[in-house]
Amino acid sequence: MKFAFIRCRVIFIMQISFFAKVVLFLTLYCISDLSIKNNILRKVMNRANRAKKI
């Protein structure tokens, strides 16, 4: 019985770890995606501000 409890506990910890990895990966992906979009937007705005006004 004790072995089964320890085994279930290890599996539960591994599942939490996998879930944490997925959440971490998704947050890093979203942060990098936002960073890339902000960088592109900043470049476009700078280019628009430097353009000659007609």
Protein backbone atom coordinates (compact mmCIF):
# COMPACT_ATOMS: atom_id res chain seq x y z
CA MET A 1 0.00 0.00 0.00
CA LYS A 2 2.81 2.38 0.88
CA PHE A 3 4.55 1.68 -2.44
CA ALA A 4 1.34 2.44 -4.36
CA PHE A 5 0.93 5.74 -2.48
CA ILE A 6 4.51 6.77 -3.24
CA ARG A 7 4.07 5.77 -6.88
CA CYS A 8 0.86 7.81 -7.22
CA ARG A 9 2.55 10.75 -5.54
CA VAL A 10 5.51 10.61 -7.94
CA ILE A 11 3.18 10.46 -10.94
CA PHE A 12 1.21 13.43 -9.54
CA ILE A 13 4.41 15.45 -9.09
CA MET A 14 5.50 14.57 -12.64
CA GLN A 15 2.14 15.73 -13.98
CA ILE A 16 2.42 19.01 -12.11
CA SER A 17 5.92 19.41 -13.47
CA PHE A 18 4.72 18.79 -17.03
CA PHE A 19 1.85 21.26 -16.54
CA ALA A 20 4.29 23.83 -15.16
CA LYS A 21 6.56 23.32 -18.17
CA VAL A 22 3.66 23.86 -20.55
CA VAL A 23 2.56 27.02 -18.75
CA LEU A 24 6.12 28.34 -18.68
CA PHE A 25 6.59 27.62 -22.38
CA LEU A 26 3.34 29.37 -23.27
CA THR A 27 4.15 32.44 -21.18
CA LEU A 28 7.62 32.69 -22.69
CA TYR A 29 6.13 32.34 -26.17
CA CYS A 30 3.56 35.08 -25.49
CA ILE A 31 6.16 37.41 -23.99
CA SER A 32 8.55 36.94 -26.91
CA ASP A 33 5.69 37.35 -29.39
CA LEU A 34 4.66 40.62 -27.73
CA SER A 35 8.26 41.78 -27.67
CA ILE A 36 8.69 41.09 -31.38
CA LYS A 37 5.42 42.87 -32.21
CA ASN A 38 6.37 45.90 -30.10
CA ASN A 39 9.80 46.04 -31.73
CA ILE A 40 8.27 45.97 -35.23
CA LEU A 41 5.69 48.60 -34.24
CA ARG A 42 8.42 50.85 -32.80
CA LYS A 43 10.46 50.59 -36.04
CA VAL A 44 7.42 51.38 -38.18
CA MET A 45 6.52 54.38 -36.02
CA ASN A 46 10.09 55.72 -36.16
CA ARG A 47 10.14 55.29 -39.94
CA ALA A 48 6.79 57.05 -40.24
CA ASN A 49 7.97 59.94 -38.07
CA ARG A 50 11.16 60.35 -40.16
CA ALA A 51 9.27 60.30 -43.46
CA LYS A 52 8.85 63.58 -45.32
CA LYS A 53 5.52 65.16 -44.75
CA ILE A 54 3.68 66.13 -47.92
